[in-house]
Amino acid sequence: ELERFAQSCVESGRYNNVSEVVRAGLRMLLDIDEQRRAFVASLEEAVAEGDRIGFLSIEESRADIEAAIREAASAKAG
């Protein structure tokens, strides 16, 4: 199935040969892996920040979010 797909990409003119299709696929995998690593790093940073400054309760988080929404709405209206 993958070989047929790669060949159809070549036949459609999007790529000159199957090697280009494979390289494009590998570049996409590299991009996805980098995005995953960046996401994991941001989660780790958020946990570290929470450890440093403390965590908010659900109620505190909800109040902060609602305040941000109100602020954005008033800035948009004004």
N, C-alpha and C. Protein backbone atom coordinates (compact mmCIF):
# COMPACT_ATOMS: atom_id res chain seq x y z
N GLU A 1 0.83 -1.19 0.00
CA GLU A 1 0.00 0.00 0.00
C GLU A 1 0.87 1.26 0.00
N LEU A 2 1.92 1.27 0.84
CA LEU A 2 2.80 2.43 0.89
C LEU A 2 3.56 2.61 -0.41
N GLU A 3 3.99 1.51 -0.99
CA GLU A 3 4.70 1.59 -2.27
C GLU A 3 3.78 2.15 -3.35
N ARG A 4 2.53 1.69 -3.36
CA ARG A 4 1.57 2.21 -4.36
C ARG A 4 1.35 3.70 -4.14
N PHE A 5 1.23 4.12 -2.89
CA PHE A 5 1.04 5.54 -2.61
C PHE A 5 2.24 6.35 -3.08
N ALA A 6 3.45 5.89 -2.76
CA ALA A 6 4.66 6.60 -3.17
C ALA A 6 4.72 6.70 -4.69
N GLN A 7 4.40 5.61 -5.35
CA GLN A 7 4.43 5.62 -6.83
C GLN A 7 3.37 6.57 -7.38
N SER A 8 2.20 6.63 -6.75
CA SER A 8 1.16 7.55 -7.23
C SER A 8 1.59 8.99 -7.05
N CYS A 9 2.37 9.28 -5.99
CA CYS A 9 2.90 10.63 -5.81
C CYS A 9 3.83 11.00 -6.95
N VAL A 10 4.63 10.04 -7.39
CA VAL A 10 5.55 10.28 -8.51
C VAL A 10 4.75 10.45 -9.80
N GLU A 11 3.79 9.57 -10.01
CA GLU A 11 2.99 9.62 -11.24
C GLU A 11 2.18 10.90 -11.34
N SER A 12 1.81 11.47 -10.20
CA SER A 12 1.03 12.70 -10.22
C SER A 12 1.89 13.92 -10.57
N GLY A 13 3.21 13.74 -10.52
CA GLY A 13 4.11 14.83 -10.84
C GLY A 13 4.57 15.63 -9.65
N ARG A 14 4.08 15.28 -8.47
CA ARG A 14 4.48 16.02 -7.27
C ARG A 14 5.94 15.75 -6.91
N TYR A 15 6.43 14.58 -7.25
CA TYR A 15 7.82 14.20 -6.95
C TYR A 15 8.42 13.57 -8.18
N ASN A 16 9.74 13.66 -8.28
CA ASN A 16 10.44 13.10 -9.44
C ASN A 16 10.68 11.61 -9.31
N ASN A 17 10.80 11.12 -8.08
CA ASN A 17 11.02 9.69 -7.87
C ASN A 17 10.61 9.31 -6.46
N VAL A 18 10.61 8.02 -6.20
CA VAL A 18 10.17 7.51 -4.90
C VAL A 18 11.11 7.98 -3.79
N SER A 19 12.39 8.14 -4.08
CA SER A 19 13.33 8.61 -3.07
C SER A 19 12.93 9.99 -2.56
N GLU A 20 12.45 10.86 -3.43
CA GLU A 20 11.98 12.18 -3.00
C GLU A 20 10.76 12.05 -2.09
N VAL A 21 9.89 11.12 -2.39
CA VAL A 21 8.70 10.88 -1.56
C VAL A 21 9.15 10.45 -0.17
N VAL A 22 10.10 9.52 -0.12
CA VAL A 22 10.60 9.02 1.17
C VAL A 22 11.27 10.14 1.95
N ARG A 23 12.09 10.95 1.29
CA ARG A 23 12.75 12.07 1.98
C ARG A 23 11.72 13.05 2.53
N ALA A 24 10.68 13.34 1.75
CA ALA A 24 9.64 14.25 2.22
C ALA A 24 8.94 13.66 3.45
N GLY A 25 8.67 12.36 3.42
CA GLY A 25 8.05 11.71 4.56
C GLY A 25 8.93 11.75 5.79
N LEU A 26 10.23 11.53 5.60
CA LEU A 26 11.17 11.57 6.73
C LEU A 26 11.27 12.99 7.30
N ARG A 27 11.24 14.00 6.42
CA ARG A 27 11.26 15.38 6.92
C ARG A 27 10.03 15.67 7.76
N MET A 28 8.89 15.16 7.32
CA MET A 28 7.67 15.34 8.10
C MET A 28 7.79 14.66 9.46
N LEU A 29 8.35 13.46 9.49
CA LEU A 29 8.54 12.76 10.76
C LEU A 29 9.48 13.53 11.68
N LEU A 30 10.54 14.10 11.10
CA LEU A 30 11.45 14.91 11.90
C LEU A 30 10.74 16.13 12.48
N ASP A 31 9.92 16.79 11.67
CA ASP A 31 9.17 17.96 12.14
C ASP A 31 8.21 17.57 13.27
N ILE A 32 7.51 16.46 13.09
CA ILE A 32 6.57 16.01 14.12
C ILE A 32 7.31 15.67 15.40
N ASP A 33 8.46 15.00 15.26
CA ASP A 33 9.24 14.65 16.44
C ASP A 33 9.74 15.90 17.15
N GLU A 34 10.17 16.90 16.41
CA GLU A 34 10.62 18.15 17.02
C GLU A 34 9.47 18.86 17.73
N GLN A 35 8.29 18.86 17.12
CA GLN A 35 7.12 19.46 17.77
C GLN A 35 6.78 18.72 19.06
N ARG A 36 6.87 17.39 19.03
CA ARG A 36 6.59 16.60 20.23
C ARG A 36 7.60 16.91 21.32
N ARG A 37 8.88 16.99 20.94
CA ARG A 37 9.92 17.31 21.93
C ARG A 37 9.70 18.70 22.53
N ALA A 38 9.33 19.66 21.69
CA ALA A 38 9.09 21.02 22.19
C ALA A 38 7.89 21.02 23.13
N PHE A 39 6.85 20.26 22.80
CA PHE A 39 5.67 20.19 23.65
C PHE A 39 6.01 19.57 25.00
N VAL A 40 6.76 18.47 24.97
CA VAL A 40 7.17 17.82 26.22
C VAL A 40 8.02 18.78 27.05
N ALA A 41 8.93 19.50 26.40
CA ALA A 41 9.76 20.46 27.12
C ALA A 41 8.91 21.55 27.75
N SER A 42 7.87 22.01 27.05
CA SER A 42 7.01 23.05 27.61
C SER A 42 6.21 22.51 28.80
N LEU A 43 5.80 21.25 28.72
CA LEU A 43 5.11 20.65 29.87
C LEU A 43 6.05 20.52 31.06
N GLU A 44 7.28 20.10 30.79
CA GLU A 44 8.25 19.98 31.88
C GLU A 44 8.54 21.34 32.50
N GLU A 45 8.62 22.37 31.68
CA GLU A 45 8.84 23.72 32.18
C GLU A 45 7.65 24.19 33.02
N ALA A 46 6.45 23.86 32.57
CA ALA A 46 5.25 24.25 33.33
C ALA A 46 5.22 23.56 34.69
N VAL A 47 5.60 22.30 34.72
CA VAL A 47 5.65 21.59 36.00
C VAL A 47 6.70 22.21 36.91
N ALA A 48 7.87 22.50 36.34
CA ALA A 48 8.95 23.12 37.13
C ALA A 48 8.50 24.48 37.67
N GLU A 49 7.81 25.26 36.83
CA GLU A 49 7.30 26.56 37.28
C GLU A 49 6.29 26.38 38.40
N GLY A 50 5.42 25.39 38.25
CA GLY A 50 4.45 25.11 39.29
C GLY A 50 5.13 24.72 40.59
N ASP A 51 6.20 23.94 40.48
CA ASP A 51 6.95 23.57 41.68
C ASP A 51 7.58 24.80 42.34
N ARG A 52 8.03 25.76 41.51
CA ARG A 52 8.68 26.96 42.05
C ARG A 52 7.68 27.92 42.69
N ILE A 53 6.56 28.17 42.00
CA ILE A 53 5.66 29.23 42.46
C ILE A 53 4.34 28.69 43.01
N GLY A 54 4.11 27.41 42.89
CA GLY A 54 2.88 26.82 43.40
C GLY A 54 1.84 26.64 42.31
N PHE A 55 0.88 25.85 42.62
CA PHE A 55 -0.17 25.53 41.66
C PHE A 55 -1.46 26.26 42.04
N LEU A 56 -2.29 26.52 41.04
CA LEU A 56 -3.59 27.14 41.28
C LEU A 56 -4.65 26.06 41.46
N SER A 57 -5.64 26.37 42.25
CA SER A 57 -6.79 25.47 42.36
C SER A 57 -7.63 25.62 41.09
N ILE A 58 -8.57 24.73 40.93
CA ILE A 58 -9.47 24.82 39.77
C ILE A 58 -10.24 26.13 39.82
N GLU A 59 -10.67 26.52 41.00
CA GLU A 59 -11.43 27.76 41.14
C GLU A 59 -10.57 28.97 40.76
N GLU A 60 -9.32 28.98 41.20
CA GLU A 60 -8.41 30.08 40.86
C GLU A 60 -8.15 30.12 39.36
N SER A 61 -7.96 28.95 38.77
CA SER A 61 -7.74 28.89 37.32
C SER A 61 -8.95 29.41 36.57
N ARG A 62 -10.14 28.97 36.98
CA ARG A 62 -11.37 29.41 36.32
C ARG A 62 -11.52 30.92 36.43
N ALA A 63 -11.23 31.48 37.61
CA ALA A 63 -11.35 32.93 37.79
C ALA A 63 -10.36 33.66 36.90
N ASP A 64 -9.14 33.16 36.79
CA ASP A 64 -8.14 33.78 35.92
C ASP A 64 -8.57 33.73 34.46
N ILE A 65 -9.11 32.61 34.04
CA ILE A 65 -9.55 32.46 32.64
C ILE A 65 -10.73 33.39 32.37
N GLU A 66 -11.68 33.43 33.27
CA GLU A 66 -12.84 34.31 33.07
C GLU A 66 -12.42 35.78 33.05
N ALA A 67 -11.46 36.15 33.87
CA ALA A 67 -10.96 37.53 33.87
C ALA A 67 -10.28 37.84 32.55
N ALA A 68 -9.50 36.91 32.03
CA ALA A 68 -8.83 37.12 30.75
C ALA A 68 -9.84 37.26 29.62
N ILE A 69 -10.91 36.46 29.67
CA ILE A 69 -11.96 36.54 28.65
C ILE A 69 -12.66 37.90 28.72
N ARG A 70 -12.98 38.32 29.94
CA ARG A 70 -13.63 39.64 30.10
C ARG A 70 -12.71 40.75 29.58
N GLU A 71 -11.44 40.67 29.91
CA GLU A 71 -10.48 41.69 29.48
C GLU A 71 -10.37 41.71 27.95
N ALA A 72 -10.30 40.55 27.34
CA ALA A 72 -10.20 40.47 25.87
C ALA A 72 -11.49 41.01 25.23
N ALA A 73 -12.63 40.70 25.81
CA ALA A 73 -13.89 41.17 25.26
C ALA A 73 -14.01 42.68 25.37
N SER A 74 -13.58 43.23 26.49
CA SER A 74 -13.68 44.69 26.64
C SER A 74 -12.67 45.39 25.74
N ALA A 75 -11.50 44.80 25.53
CA ALA A 75 -10.51 45.40 24.63
C ALA A 75 -11.02 45.37 23.19
N LYS A 76 -11.71 44.29 22.83
CA LYS A 76 -12.25 44.16 21.48
C LYS A 76 -13.39 45.15 21.27
N ALA A 77 -14.21 45.34 22.30
CA ALA A 77 -15.36 46.25 22.19
C ALA A 77 -14.92 47.72 22.24
N GLY A 78 -13.83 47.97 22.94
CA GLY A 78 -13.41 49.35 23.14
C GLY A 78 -12.47 49.78 22.13
